[in-house]
């Protein structure tokens, strides 16, 4: 027997749906299936929940909000993801509140806490590395649908489903491409050594080099264009035998291209180069940059669909989803 006044969370638990689904039922949303709406209404009757419309009106300005926290919005790859997700959700009547954590897990926790306090219906987080438990513990207490995307820092994928790309396959395809073109001293440049994404992208690279009897050349570091520029001199001086590179992302690769141009080394002829992510600038650079393409717009649309299904129908996404990638070969590797 419940001794306190039932809350929307009690209704959600009794009906086996999310808090946001109950909210949508109370708003009379047509996005909720009839069976789900009836289950929520029955749960409300069973536990004696009374809808406080006056309080709801005070919260009306936050109805239909989705929170999106990204670890680095300065990277065009993540900017495109955020833009497409926001626009896709907008077609379904949701407003997206977007924030950049700047790779700061403490700031990330504050941003998520603020979004929860302001009544978002769900959250999507591309998390900062570090102690992210506080962020996701907040979300667990709030009972909100929450997705981890592109990076996984919380192992509780039953609570916080994770979606990303098959980075290992991309690293392998890039390595096979360069080996097939005759490269024998292939470097992997950029990426934090202890990050899961770096290890995933490197795993395919390492396996292909091992199969070909080649030795890896690894230069970890930041994932920025500036790091790529600085690595050009390092490769020329410390790894003169290197004849090709796979970069952690396109920003590093574009920086490396600039650095080699300054050093008088020709990309595509003296040195073959492949980036990762295939941002728009890859096709606009000169020479055009080969890159492992991740369909980030399609990924964002799929993320929106999975989130909407969870919010409106209580359909929790699978614990882990991996989207395919493919190599786009251009002049930087083909010559």
C-alpha atoms as a PDB file:
ATOM      1  CA  UNK A   1       0.000   0.000   0.000  1.00  0.00           C
ATOM      2  CA  UNK A   2       1.477   3.344  -1.057  1.00  0.00           C
ATOM      3  CA  UNK A   3       1.466   5.860   1.833  1.00  0.00           C
ATOM      4  CA  UNK A   4       2.677   8.878  -0.154  1.00  0.00           C
ATOM      5  CA  UNK A   5       1.098  10.609  -3.093  1.00  0.00           C
ATOM      6  CA  UNK A   6       1.870   8.648  -6.290  1.00  0.00           C
ATOM      7  CA  UNK A   7       4.193  10.332  -8.758  1.00  0.00           C
ATOM      8  CA  UNK A   8       4.725  10.100 -12.486  1.00  0.00           C
ATOM      9  CA  UNK A   9       7.677   7.807 -11.775  1.00  0.00           C
ATOM     10  CA  UNK A  10       5.361   5.418  -9.933  1.00  0.00           C
ATOM     11  CA  UNK A  11       3.041   5.396 -12.926  1.00  0.00           C
ATOM     12  CA  UNK A  12       5.956   4.681 -15.249  1.00  0.00           C
ATOM     13  CA  UNK A  13       7.134   1.779 -13.068  1.00  0.00           C
ATOM     14  CA  UNK A  14       3.641   0.308 -12.813  1.00  0.00           C
ATOM     15  CA  UNK A  15       3.043   0.534 -16.554  1.00  0.00           C
ATOM     16  CA  UNK A  16       6.531  -0.647 -17.490  1.00  0.00           C
ATOM     17  CA  UNK A  17       7.297   2.440 -19.587  1.00  0.00           C
ATOM     18  CA  UNK A  18       9.542   5.485 -19.306  1.00  0.00           C
ATOM     19  CA  UNK A  19       8.711   8.713 -17.472  1.00  0.00           C
ATOM     20  CA  UNK A  20       8.652  10.564 -20.782  1.00  0.00           C
ATOM     21  CA  UNK A  21       6.053   8.139 -22.173  1.00  0.00           C
ATOM     22  CA  UNK A  22       3.768   8.857 -19.219  1.00  0.00           C
ATOM     23  CA  UNK A  23       4.269  12.588 -19.802  1.00  0.00           C
ATOM     24  CA  UNK A  24       3.272  12.213 -23.425  1.00  0.00           C
ATOM     25  CA  UNK A  25       0.121  10.326 -22.438  1.00  0.00           C
ATOM     26  CA  UNK A  26      -0.785  13.092 -19.993  1.00  0.00           C
ATOM     27  CA  UNK A  27      -0.253  15.639 -22.767  1.00  0.00           C
ATOM     28  CA  UNK A  28      -2.558  13.702 -25.069  1.00  0.00           C
ATOM     29  CA  UNK A  29       0.201  13.124 -27.607  1.00  0.00           C
ATOM     30  CA  UNK A  30      -0.755  11.155 -30.712  1.00  0.00           C
ATOM     31  CA  UNK A  31       2.751   9.725 -30.903  1.00  0.00           C
ATOM     32  CA  UNK A  32       1.929   7.125 -28.236  1.00  0.00           C
ATOM     33  CA  UNK A  33       0.409   3.833 -29.394  1.00  0.00           C
ATOM     34  CA  UNK A  34      -3.124   3.073 -28.187  1.00  0.00           C
ATOM     35  CA  UNK A  35      -1.973  -0.035 -26.263  1.00  0.00           C
ATOM     36  CA  UNK A  36       0.708   1.934 -24.467  1.00  0.00           C
ATOM     37  CA  UNK A  37      -1.676   4.784 -23.650  1.00  0.00           C
ATOM     38  CA  UNK A  38      -4.216   2.335 -22.203  1.00  0.00           C
ATOM     39  CA  UNK A  39      -1.533   0.628 -20.102  1.00  0.00           C
ATOM     40  CA  UNK A  40      -0.480   3.986 -18.653  1.00  0.00           C
ATOM     41  CA  UNK A  41      -4.074   5.005 -17.941  1.00  0.00           C
ATOM     42  CA  UNK A  42      -4.724   1.682 -16.190  1.00  0.00           C
ATOM     43  CA  UNK A  43      -1.577   2.121 -14.070  1.00  0.00           C
ATOM     44  CA  UNK A  44      -2.723   5.620 -13.076  1.00  0.00           C
ATOM     45  CA  UNK A  45      -6.089   4.247 -11.960  1.00  0.00           C
ATOM     46  CA  UNK A  46      -4.569   1.280 -10.125  1.00  0.00           C
ATOM     47  CA  UNK A  47      -2.165   3.345  -7.986  1.00  0.00           C
ATOM     48  CA  UNK A  48      -4.436   6.365  -7.593  1.00  0.00           C
ATOM     49  CA  UNK A  49      -2.338   8.883  -9.498  1.00  0.00           C
ATOM     50  CA  UNK A  50      -3.993  12.305  -9.892  1.00  0.00           C
ATOM     51  CA  UNK A  51      -2.730  14.591 -12.663  1.00  0.00           C
ATOM     52  CA  UNK A  52      -1.889  18.058 -11.325  1.00  0.00           C
ATOM     53  CA  UNK A  53      -2.658  20.173 -14.388  1.00  0.00           C
ATOM     54  CA  UNK A  54      -1.728  23.455 -12.687  1.00  0.00           C
ATOM     55  CA  UNK A  55       1.761  22.190 -11.946  1.00  0.00           C
ATOM     56  CA  UNK A  56       2.007  20.772 -15.431  1.00  0.00           C
ATOM     57  CA  UNK A  57       1.189  24.155 -16.932  1.00  0.00           C
ATOM     58  CA  UNK A  58       4.111  25.659 -15.046  1.00  0.00           C
ATOM     59  CA  UNK A  59       6.352  23.099 -16.695  1.00  0.00           C
ATOM     60  CA  UNK A  60       4.833  23.506 -20.140  1.00  0.00           C
ATOM     61  CA  UNK A  61       7.776  25.442 -21.488  1.00  0.00           C
ATOM     62  CA  UNK A  62       9.997  22.382 -21.031  1.00  0.00           C
ATOM     63  CA  UNK A  63       7.635  19.838 -22.583  1.00  0.00           C
ATOM     64  CA  UNK A  64       9.176  18.162 -25.610  1.00  0.00           C
ATOM     65  CA  UNK A  65      12.791  18.976 -24.722  1.00  0.00           C
ATOM     66  CA  UNK A  66      15.638  16.567 -25.469  1.00  0.00           C
ATOM     67  CA  UNK A  67      19.116  17.148 -24.049  1.00  0.00           C
ATOM     68  CA  UNK A  68      22.254  16.589 -26.126  1.00  0.00           C
ATOM     69  CA  UNK A  69      25.715  16.815 -24.553  1.00  0.00           C
ATOM     70  CA  UNK A  70      28.743  16.462 -26.845  1.00  0.00           C
ATOM     71  CA  UNK A  71      32.356  16.201 -25.707  1.00  0.00           C
ATOM     72  CA  UNK A  72      33.764  18.280 -28.611  1.00  0.00           C
ATOM     73  CA  UNK A  73      31.429  20.333 -30.789  1.00  0.00           C
ATOM     74  CA  UNK A  74      34.418  22.047 -32.428  1.00  0.00           C
ATOM     75  CA  UNK A  75      35.028  18.876 -34.427  1.00  0.00           C
ATOM     76  CA  UNK A  76      32.888  19.009 -37.618  1.00  0.00           C
ATOM     77  CA  UNK A  77      32.103  15.306 -37.266  1.00  0.00           C
ATOM     78  CA  UNK A  78      30.259  15.882 -33.986  1.00  0.00           C
ATOM     79  CA  UNK A  79      28.766  19.163 -35.183  1.00  0.00           C
ATOM     80  CA  UNK A  80      27.136  17.345 -38.095  1.00  0.00           C
ATOM     81  CA  UNK A  81      25.800  14.689 -35.740  1.00  0.00           C
ATOM     82  CA  UNK A  82      24.319  17.312 -33.416  1.00  0.00           C
ATOM     83  CA  UNK A  83      22.777  19.297 -36.277  1.00  0.00           C
ATOM     84  CA  UNK A  84      21.155  16.291 -37.927  1.00  0.00           C
ATOM     85  CA  UNK A  85      19.851  14.915 -34.635  1.00  0.00           C
ATOM     86  CA  UNK A  86      18.352  18.294 -33.710  1.00  0.00           C
ATOM     87  CA  UNK A  87      16.679  18.721 -37.085  1.00  0.00           C
ATOM     88  CA  UNK A  88      15.318  15.163 -37.111  1.00  0.00           C
ATOM     89  CA  UNK A  89      13.826  15.531 -33.637  1.00  0.00           C
ATOM     90  CA  UNK A  90      12.360  18.904 -34.629  1.00  0.00           C
ATOM     91  CA  UNK A  91      10.253  17.228 -37.315  1.00  0.00           C
ATOM     92  CA  UNK A  92       8.614  15.248 -34.495  1.00  0.00           C
ATOM     93  CA  UNK A  93       7.927  18.317 -32.375  1.00  0.00           C
ATOM     94  CA  UNK A  94      10.922  18.140 -30.033  1.00  0.00           C
ATOM     95  CA  UNK A  95      13.331  20.942 -29.204  1.00  0.00           C
ATOM     96  CA  UNK A  96      16.941  19.919 -28.597  1.00  0.00           C
ATOM     97  CA  UNK A  97      19.053  21.646 -25.961  1.00  0.00           C
ATOM     98  CA  UNK A  98      22.685  21.261 -27.063  1.00  0.00           C
ATOM     99  CA  UNK A  99      25.770  21.689 -24.872  1.00  0.00           C
ATOM    100  CA  UNK A 100      29.506  21.143 -25.285  1.00  0.00           C
ATOM    101  CA  UNK A 101      31.386  19.557 -22.368  1.00  0.00           C
ATOM    102  CA  UNK A 102      34.841  20.308 -23.783  1.00  0.00           C
ATOM    103  CA  UNK A 103      36.165  16.917 -22.617  1.00  0.00           C
ATOM    104  CA  UNK A 104      35.502  17.943 -19.010  1.00  0.00           C
ATOM    105  CA  UNK A 105      33.606  15.229 -17.071  1.00  0.00           C
ATOM    106  CA  UNK A 106      32.861  17.618 -14.182  1.00  0.00           C
ATOM    107  CA  UNK A 107      31.290  20.166 -16.514  1.00  0.00           C
ATOM    108  CA  UNK A 108      29.463  17.335 -18.250  1.00  0.00           C
ATOM    109  CA  UNK A 109      27.863  16.308 -14.954  1.00  0.00           C
ATOM    110  CA  UNK A 110      26.735  19.877 -14.304  1.00  0.00           C
ATOM    111  CA  UNK A 111      25.268  20.217 -17.790  1.00  0.00           C
ATOM    112  CA  UNK A 112      23.336  16.975 -17.498  1.00  0.00           C
ATOM    113  CA  UNK A 113      22.095  17.927 -14.022  1.00  0.00           C
ATOM    114  CA  UNK A 114      20.848  21.266 -15.307  1.00  0.00           C
ATOM    115  CA  UNK A 115      19.058  19.641 -18.222  1.00  0.00           C
ATOM    116  CA  UNK A 116      17.350  17.149 -15.914  1.00  0.00           C
ATOM    117  CA  UNK A 117      16.255  19.979 -13.599  1.00  0.00           C
ATOM    118  CA  UNK A 118      14.771  21.843 -16.558  1.00  0.00           C
ATOM    119  CA  UNK A 119      12.625  18.877 -17.480  1.00  0.00           C
ATOM    120  CA  UNK A 120      14.140  17.276 -20.567  1.00  0.00           C
ATOM    121  CA  UNK A 121      12.304  14.145 -21.683  1.00  0.00           C
ATOM    122  CA  UNK A 122      15.478  12.266 -22.667  1.00  0.00           C
ATOM    123  CA  UNK A 123      19.212  12.717 -23.154  1.00  0.00           C
ATOM    124  CA  UNK A 124      21.829  11.774 -25.715  1.00  0.00           C
ATOM    125  CA  UNK A 125      25.432  11.959 -24.501  1.00  0.00           C
ATOM    126  CA  UNK A 126      28.699  11.657 -26.391  1.00  0.00           C
ATOM    127  CA  UNK A 127      30.634  11.520 -23.141  1.00  0.00           C
ATOM    128  CA  UNK A 128      33.912  13.020 -21.997  1.00  0.00           C
ATOM    129  CA  UNK A 129      36.556  10.580 -20.829  1.00  0.00           C
ATOM    130  CA  UNK A 130      37.284  10.459 -17.120  1.00  0.00           C
ATOM    131  CA  UNK A 131      35.082   9.793 -14.132  1.00  0.00           C
ATOM    132  CA  UNK A 132      31.710   9.857 -15.839  1.00  0.00           C
ATOM    133  CA  UNK A 133      29.891   7.754 -13.240  1.00  0.00           C
ATOM    134  CA  UNK A 134      28.391  10.838 -11.618  1.00  0.00           C
ATOM    135  CA  UNK A 135      26.789  11.881 -14.888  1.00  0.00           C
ATOM    136  CA  UNK A 136      25.106   8.560 -15.514  1.00  0.00           C
ATOM    137  CA  UNK A 137      24.172   8.017 -11.864  1.00  0.00           C
ATOM    138  CA  UNK A 138      22.156  11.248 -12.147  1.00  0.00           C
ATOM    139  CA  UNK A 139      20.394   9.872 -15.201  1.00  0.00           C
ATOM    140  CA  UNK A 140      19.701   6.562 -13.482  1.00  0.00           C
ATOM    141  CA  UNK A 141      18.055   8.378 -10.560  1.00  0.00           C
ATOM    142  CA  UNK A 142      16.022  10.543 -12.940  1.00  0.00           C
ATOM    143  CA  UNK A 143      14.691   7.506 -14.786  1.00  0.00           C
ATOM    144  CA  UNK A 144      15.048   9.228 -18.160  1.00  0.00           C
ATOM    145  CA  UNK A 145      15.790   7.509 -21.474  1.00  0.00           C
ATOM    146  CA  UNK A 146      19.490   8.153 -22.075  1.00  0.00           C
ATOM    147  CA  UNK A 147      21.793   7.016 -24.862  1.00  0.00           C
ATOM    148  CA  UNK A 148      25.586   6.863 -25.000  1.00  0.00           C
ATOM    149  CA  UNK A 149      26.763   7.580 -28.529  1.00  0.00           C
ATOM    150  CA  UNK A 150      30.140   7.365 -30.296  1.00  0.00           C
ATOM    151  CA  UNK A 151      31.897   6.782 -26.975  1.00  0.00           C
ATOM    152  CA  UNK A 152      31.051   4.437 -24.118  1.00  0.00           C
ATOM    153  CA  UNK A 153      32.168   5.346 -20.610  1.00  0.00           C
ATOM    154  CA  UNK A 154      29.455   3.667 -18.522  1.00  0.00           C
ATOM    155  CA  UNK A 155      29.296  -0.152 -18.678  1.00  0.00           C
ATOM    156  CA  UNK A 156      25.582  -0.263 -17.797  1.00  0.00           C
ATOM    157  CA  UNK A 157      24.386  -0.553 -21.372  1.00  0.00           C
ATOM    158  CA  UNK A 158      21.171  -2.146 -20.102  1.00  0.00           C
ATOM    159  CA  UNK A 159      20.356   1.280 -18.650  1.00  0.00           C
ATOM    160  CA  UNK A 160      22.272   3.454 -21.117  1.00  0.00           C
ATOM    161  CA  UNK A 161      22.379   1.766 -24.530  1.00  0.00           C
ATOM    162  CA  UNK A 162      25.475   2.489 -26.602  1.00  0.00           C
ATOM    163  CA  UNK A 163      25.695   3.100 -30.353  1.00  0.00           C
ATOM    164  CA  UNK A 164      28.711   3.807 -32.539  1.00  0.00           C
ATOM    165  CA  UNK A 165      30.477   2.630 -35.701  1.00  0.00           C
ATOM    166  CA  UNK A 166      32.498  -0.481 -36.508  1.00  0.00           C
ATOM    167  CA  UNK A 167      35.788   1.341 -36.083  1.00  0.00           C
ATOM    168  CA  UNK A 168      37.883  -1.851 -36.043  1.00  0.00           C
ATOM    169  CA  UNK A 169      36.618  -2.790 -39.505  1.00  0.00           C
ATOM    170  CA  UNK A 170      37.445   0.718 -40.729  1.00  0.00           C
ATOM    171  CA  UNK A 171      41.013   0.548 -39.459  1.00  0.00           C
ATOM    172  CA  UNK A 172      41.453  -2.837 -41.113  1.00  0.00           C
ATOM    173  CA  UNK A 173      40.074  -1.651 -44.460  1.00  0.00           C
ATOM    174  CA  UNK A 174      42.347   1.399 -44.453  1.00  0.00           C
ATOM    175  CA  UNK A 175      45.399  -0.761 -43.712  1.00  0.00           C
ATOM    176  CA  UNK A 176      44.525  -3.276 -46.446  1.00  0.00           C
ATOM    177  CA  UNK A 177      44.111  -0.400 -48.895  1.00  0.00           C
ATOM    178  CA  UNK A 178      47.561   1.019 -48.168  1.00  0.00           C
ATOM    179  CA  UNK A 179      49.242  -2.388 -48.156  1.00  0.00           C
ATOM    180  CA  UNK A 180      47.625  -3.137 -51.497  1.00  0.00           C
ATOM    181  CA  UNK A 181      49.150   0.068 -52.902  1.00  0.00           C
ATOM    182  CA  UNK A 182      52.622  -1.070 -51.839  1.00  0.00           C
ATOM    183  CA  UNK A 183      53.048   0.748 -48.514  1.00  0.00           C
ATOM    184  CA  UNK A 184      55.204  -1.215 -46.069  1.00  0.00           C
ATOM    185  CA  UNK A 185      55.865   1.210 -43.210  1.00  0.00           C
ATOM    186  CA  UNK A 186      52.423   2.455 -42.208  1.00  0.00           C
ATOM    187  CA  UNK A 187      52.062   4.719 -39.195  1.00  0.00           C
ATOM    188  CA  UNK A 188      48.990   5.254 -37.025  1.00  0.00           C
ATOM    189  CA  UNK A 189      48.894   8.916 -35.974  1.00  0.00           C
ATOM    190  CA  UNK A 190      46.826  10.610 -33.251  1.00  0.00           C
ATOM    191  CA  UNK A 191      44.344   9.540 -30.592  1.00  0.00           C
ATOM    192  CA  UNK A 192      44.671   9.127 -26.836  1.00  0.00           C
ATOM    193  CA  UNK A 193      46.479   5.869 -26.134  1.00  0.00           C
ATOM    194  CA  UNK A 194      44.107   4.764 -23.362  1.00  0.00           C
ATOM    195  CA  UNK A 195      40.841   5.632 -25.120  1.00  0.00           C
ATOM    196  CA  UNK A 196      38.545   2.860 -26.321  1.00  0.00           C
ATOM    197  CA  UNK A 197      37.932   4.543 -29.679  1.00  0.00           C
ATOM    198  CA  UNK A 198      41.677   4.783 -30.383  1.00  0.00           C
ATOM    199  CA  UNK A 199      42.166   1.125 -29.511  1.00  0.00           C
ATOM    200  CA  UNK A 200      39.228   0.113 -31.718  1.00  0.00           C
ATOM    201  CA  UNK A 201      40.544   2.040 -34.728  1.00  0.00           C
ATOM    202  CA  UNK A 202      44.042   0.676 -34.145  1.00  0.00           C
ATOM    203  CA  UNK A 203      42.952  -2.941 -33.664  1.00  0.00           C
ATOM    204  CA  UNK A 204      42.039  -3.438 -37.323  1.00  0.00           C
ATOM    205  CA  UNK A 205      45.229  -1.654 -38.395  1.00  0.00           C
ATOM    206  CA  UNK A 206      47.379  -3.881 -36.177  1.00  0.00           C
ATOM    207  CA  UNK A 207      45.707  -7.100 -37.303  1.00  0.00           C
ATOM    208  CA  UNK A 208      46.259  -6.328 -40.992  1.00  0.00           C
ATOM    209  CA  UNK A 209      49.897  -5.362 -40.467  1.00  0.00           C
ATOM    210  CA  UNK A 210      50.468  -8.547 -38.468  1.00  0.00           C
ATOM    211  CA  UNK A 211      48.936 -10.649 -41.243  1.00  0.00           C
ATOM    212  CA  UNK A 212      51.229  -8.950 -43.779  1.00  0.00           C
ATOM    213  CA  UNK A 213      54.339  -9.380 -41.597  1.00  0.00           C
ATOM    214  CA  UNK A 214      54.722  -5.624 -41.106  1.00  0.00           C
ATOM    215  CA  UNK A 215      55.675  -3.671 -37.978  1.00  0.00           C
ATOM    216  CA  UNK A 216      53.345  -0.943 -36.651  1.00  0.00           C
ATOM    217  CA  UNK A 217      54.559   2.632 -36.179  1.00  0.00           C
ATOM    218  CA  UNK A 218      52.434   4.424 -33.588  1.00  0.00           C
ATOM    219  CA  UNK A 219      52.412   8.113 -32.652  1.00  0.00           C
ATOM    220  CA  UNK A 220      49.648   8.854 -30.143  1.00  0.00           C
ATOM    221  CA  UNK A 221      48.542  12.384 -29.394  1.00  0.00           C
ATOM    222  CA  UNK A 222      45.730  14.879 -29.618  1.00  0.00           C
ATOM    223  CA  UNK A 223      42.976  14.596 -32.183  1.00  0.00           C
ATOM    224  CA  UNK A 224      43.469  18.075 -33.615  1.00  0.00           C
ATOM    225  CA  UNK A 225      44.707  19.631 -36.842  1.00  0.00           C
ATOM    226  CA  UNK A 226      47.514  21.339 -34.894  1.00  0.00           C
ATOM    227  CA  UNK A 227      48.802  17.972 -33.715  1.00  0.00           C
ATOM    228  CA  UNK A 228      48.805  16.724 -37.299  1.00  0.00           C
ATOM    229  CA  UNK A 229      50.850  19.717 -38.448  1.00  0.00           C
ATOM    230  CA  UNK A 230      53.407  19.122 -35.693  1.00  0.00           C
ATOM    231  CA  UNK A 231      53.641  15.406 -36.532  1.00  0.00           C
ATOM    232  CA  UNK A 232      54.894  16.076 -40.066  1.00  0.00           C
ATOM    233  CA  UNK A 233      58.340  17.106 -38.779  1.00  0.00           C
ATOM    234  CA  UNK A 234      58.312  14.251 -36.250  1.00  0.00           C
ATOM    235  CA  UNK A 235      57.643  11.654 -38.932  1.00  0.00           C
ATOM    236  CA  UNK A 236      60.327  13.052 -41.234  1.00  0.00           C
ATOM    237  CA  UNK A 237      62.885  13.130 -38.395  1.00  0.00           C
ATOM    238  CA  UNK A 238      62.000  10.142 -36.200  1.00  0.00           C
ATOM    239  CA  UNK A 239      60.291   7.786 -38.648  1.00  0.00           C
ATOM    240  CA  UNK A 240      61.977   8.452 -42.028  1.00  0.00           C
ATOM    241  CA  UNK A 241      61.071   4.938 -43.159  1.00  0.00           C
ATOM    242  CA  UNK A 242      57.308   5.674 -42.917  1.00  0.00           C
ATOM    243  CA  UNK A 243      55.698   5.714 -46.354  1.00  0.00           C
ATOM    244  CA  UNK A 244      52.035   5.973 -45.320  1.00  0.00           C
ATOM    245  CA  UNK A 245      49.775   6.799 -42.378  1.00  0.00           C
ATOM    246  CA  UNK A 246      46.292   6.175 -41.071  1.00  0.00           C
ATOM    247  CA  UNK A 247      45.215   9.068 -38.863  1.00  0.00           C
ATOM    248  CA  UNK A 248      42.870   8.835 -35.901  1.00  0.00           C
ATOM    249  CA  UNK A 249      40.562  11.341 -37.578  1.00  0.00           C
ATOM    250  CA  UNK A 250      40.418  13.703 -40.535  1.00  0.00           C
ATOM    251  CA  UNK A 251      41.530  16.725 -38.517  1.00  0.00           C
ATOM    252  CA  UNK A 252      44.853  15.048 -37.745  1.00  0.00           C
ATOM    253  CA  UNK A 253      45.177  13.951 -41.391  1.00  0.00           C
ATOM    254  CA  UNK A 254      44.435  17.428 -42.764  1.00  0.00           C
ATOM    255  CA  UNK A 255      47.012  18.896 -40.382  1.00  0.00           C
ATOM    256  CA  UNK A 256      49.555  16.296 -41.484  1.00  0.00           C
ATOM    257  CA  UNK A 257      48.902  17.229 -45.112  1.00  0.00           C
ATOM    258  CA  UNK A 258      49.651  20.876 -44.329  1.00  0.00           C
ATOM    259  CA  UNK A 259      52.791  19.968 -42.433  1.00  0.00           C
ATOM    260  CA  UNK A 260      54.107  17.806 -45.268  1.00  0.00           C
ATOM    261  CA  UNK A 261      53.362  20.548 -47.809  1.00  0.00           C
ATOM    262  CA  UNK A 262      55.488  22.910 -45.733  1.00  0.00           C
ATOM    263  CA  UNK A 263      58.253  20.290 -45.608  1.00  0.00           C
ATOM    264  CA  UNK A 264      58.129  19.846 -49.397  1.00  0.00           C
ATOM    265  CA  UNK A 265      56.853  16.277 -49.254  1.00  0.00           C
ATOM    266  CA  UNK A 266      54.115  15.308 -51.714  1.00  0.00           C
ATOM    267  CA  UNK A 267      51.023  13.568 -50.314  1.00  0.00           C
ATOM    268  CA  UNK A 268      49.883  10.771 -52.600  1.00  0.00           C
ATOM    269  CA  UNK A 269      53.308  10.389 -54.221  1.00  0.00           C
ATOM    270  CA  UNK A 270      55.989  10.537 -51.501  1.00  0.00           C
ATOM    271  CA  UNK A 271      53.592   9.583 -48.725  1.00  0.00           C
ATOM    272  CA  UNK A 272      50.139   7.948 -48.787  1.00  0.00           C
ATOM    273  CA  UNK A 273      47.543   9.147 -46.291  1.00  0.00           C
ATOM    274  CA  UNK A 274      44.129   8.019 -45.012  1.00  0.00           C
ATOM    275  CA  UNK A 275      41.937   9.857 -42.494  1.00  0.00           C
ATOM    276  CA  UNK A 276      38.933   8.708 -40.469  1.00  0.00           C
ATOM    277  CA  UNK A 277      35.332  10.034 -40.386  1.00  0.00           C
ATOM    278  CA  UNK A 278      35.135  11.533 -43.929  1.00  0.00           C
ATOM    279  CA  UNK A 279      34.079  15.034 -42.947  1.00  0.00           C
ATOM    280  CA  UNK A 280      33.066  17.369 -45.780  1.00  0.00           C
ATOM    281  CA  UNK A 281      36.511  18.959 -46.027  1.00  0.00           C
ATOM    282  CA  UNK A 282      38.066  15.661 -47.181  1.00  0.00           C
ATOM    283  CA  UNK A 283      36.534  16.087 -50.636  1.00  0.00           C
ATOM    284  CA  UNK A 284      37.386  19.808 -50.730  1.00  0.00           C
ATOM    285  CA  UNK A 285      41.042  19.596 -49.692  1.00  0.00           C
ATOM    286  CA  UNK A 286      43.888  19.466 -52.202  1.00  0.00           C
ATOM    287  CA  UNK A 287      44.819  16.766 -52.733  1.00  0.00           C
ATOM    288  CA  UNK A 288      41.508  15.206 -51.791  1.00  0.00           C
ATOM    289  CA  UNK A 289      41.828  13.151 -48.619  1.00  0.00           C
ATOM    290  CA  UNK A 290      41.078   9.427 -48.526  1.00  0.00           C
ATOM    291  CA  UNK A 291      39.054   8.605 -45.432  1.00  0.00           C
ATOM    292  CA  UNK A 292      37.103   5.883 -43.658  1.00  0.00           C
ATOM    293  CA  UNK A 293      33.561   7.124 -44.081  1.00  0.00           C
ATOM    294  CA  UNK A 294      31.165   7.027 -41.147  1.00  0.00           C
ATOM    295  CA  UNK A 295      27.650   7.992 -42.240  1.00  0.00           C
ATOM    296  CA  UNK A 296      27.197  10.426 -39.381  1.00  0.00           C
ATOM    297  CA  UNK A 297      23.976  11.930 -40.761  1.00  0.00           C
ATOM    298  CA  UNK A 298      22.402   8.489 -41.120  1.00  0.00           C
ATOM    299  CA  UNK A 299      23.683   7.593 -37.660  1.00  0.00           C
ATOM    300  CA  UNK A 300      22.062  10.722 -36.197  1.00  0.00           C
ATOM    301  CA  UNK A 301      18.741   9.933 -37.877  1.00  0.00           C
ATOM    302  CA  UNK A 302      18.898   6.366 -36.545  1.00  0.00           C
ATOM    303  CA  UNK A 303      19.716   7.697 -33.061  1.00  0.00           C
ATOM    304  CA  UNK A 304      16.682   9.990 -33.200  1.00  0.00           C
ATOM    305  CA  UNK A 305      14.438   7.091 -34.273  1.00  0.00           C
ATOM    306  CA  UNK A 306      15.664   4.853 -31.453  1.00  0.00           C
ATOM    307  CA  UNK A 307      15.261   7.633 -28.904  1.00  0.00           C
ATOM    308  CA  UNK A 308      11.725   8.447 -30.081  1.00  0.00           C
ATOM    309  CA  UNK A 309      10.774   4.781 -29.923  1.00  0.00           C
ATOM    310  CA  UNK A 310      12.020   4.619 -26.351  1.00  0.00           C
ATOM    311  CA  UNK A 311      10.272   7.832 -25.294  1.00  0.00           C
ATOM    312  CA  UNK A 312       6.919   7.219 -26.957  1.00  0.00           C
ATOM    313  CA  UNK A 313       6.561   3.441 -26.924  1.00  0.00           C
ATOM    314  CA  UNK A 314       8.867   2.308 -24.137  1.00  0.00           C
ATOM    315  CA  UNK A 315      10.956   0.400 -26.698  1.00  0.00           C
ATOM    316  CA  UNK A 316      14.446   0.401 -25.199  1.00  0.00           C
ATOM    317  CA  UNK A 317      17.218   0.120 -27.839  1.00  0.00           C
ATOM    318  CA  UNK A 318      19.552  -2.902 -27.767  1.00  0.00           C
ATOM    319  CA  UNK A 319      22.537  -2.600 -25.389  1.00  0.00           C
ATOM    320  CA  UNK A 320      24.998  -2.054 -28.248  1.00  0.00           C
ATOM    321  CA  UNK A 321      24.639  -1.016 -31.882  1.00  0.00           C
ATOM    322  CA  UNK A 322      27.478  -0.787 -34.427  1.00  0.00           C
ATOM    323  CA  UNK A 323      26.950   0.904 -37.775  1.00  0.00           C
ATOM    324  CA  UNK A 324      29.053  -0.106 -40.823  1.00  0.00           C
ATOM    325  CA  UNK A 325      31.831   2.037 -42.315  1.00  0.00           C
ATOM    326  CA  UNK A 326      33.518   2.126 -45.730  1.00  0.00           C
ATOM    327  CA  UNK A 327      36.727   3.517 -47.191  1.00  0.00           C
ATOM    328  CA  UNK A 328      36.493   6.396 -49.645  1.00  0.00           C
ATOM    329  CA  UNK A 329      39.753   6.320 -51.636  1.00  0.00           C
ATOM    330  CA  UNK A 330      40.959   9.645 -53.051  1.00  0.00           C
ATOM    331  CA  UNK A 331      44.184  11.235 -54.271  1.00  0.00           C
ATOM    332  CA  UNK A 332      45.944  11.347 -50.883  1.00  0.00           C
ATOM    333  CA  UNK A 333      46.411   7.568 -51.013  1.00  0.00           C
ATOM    334  CA  UNK A 334      45.867   6.791 -54.706  1.00  0.00           C
ATOM    335  CA  UNK A 335      48.284   9.444 -55.998  1.00  0.00           C
END
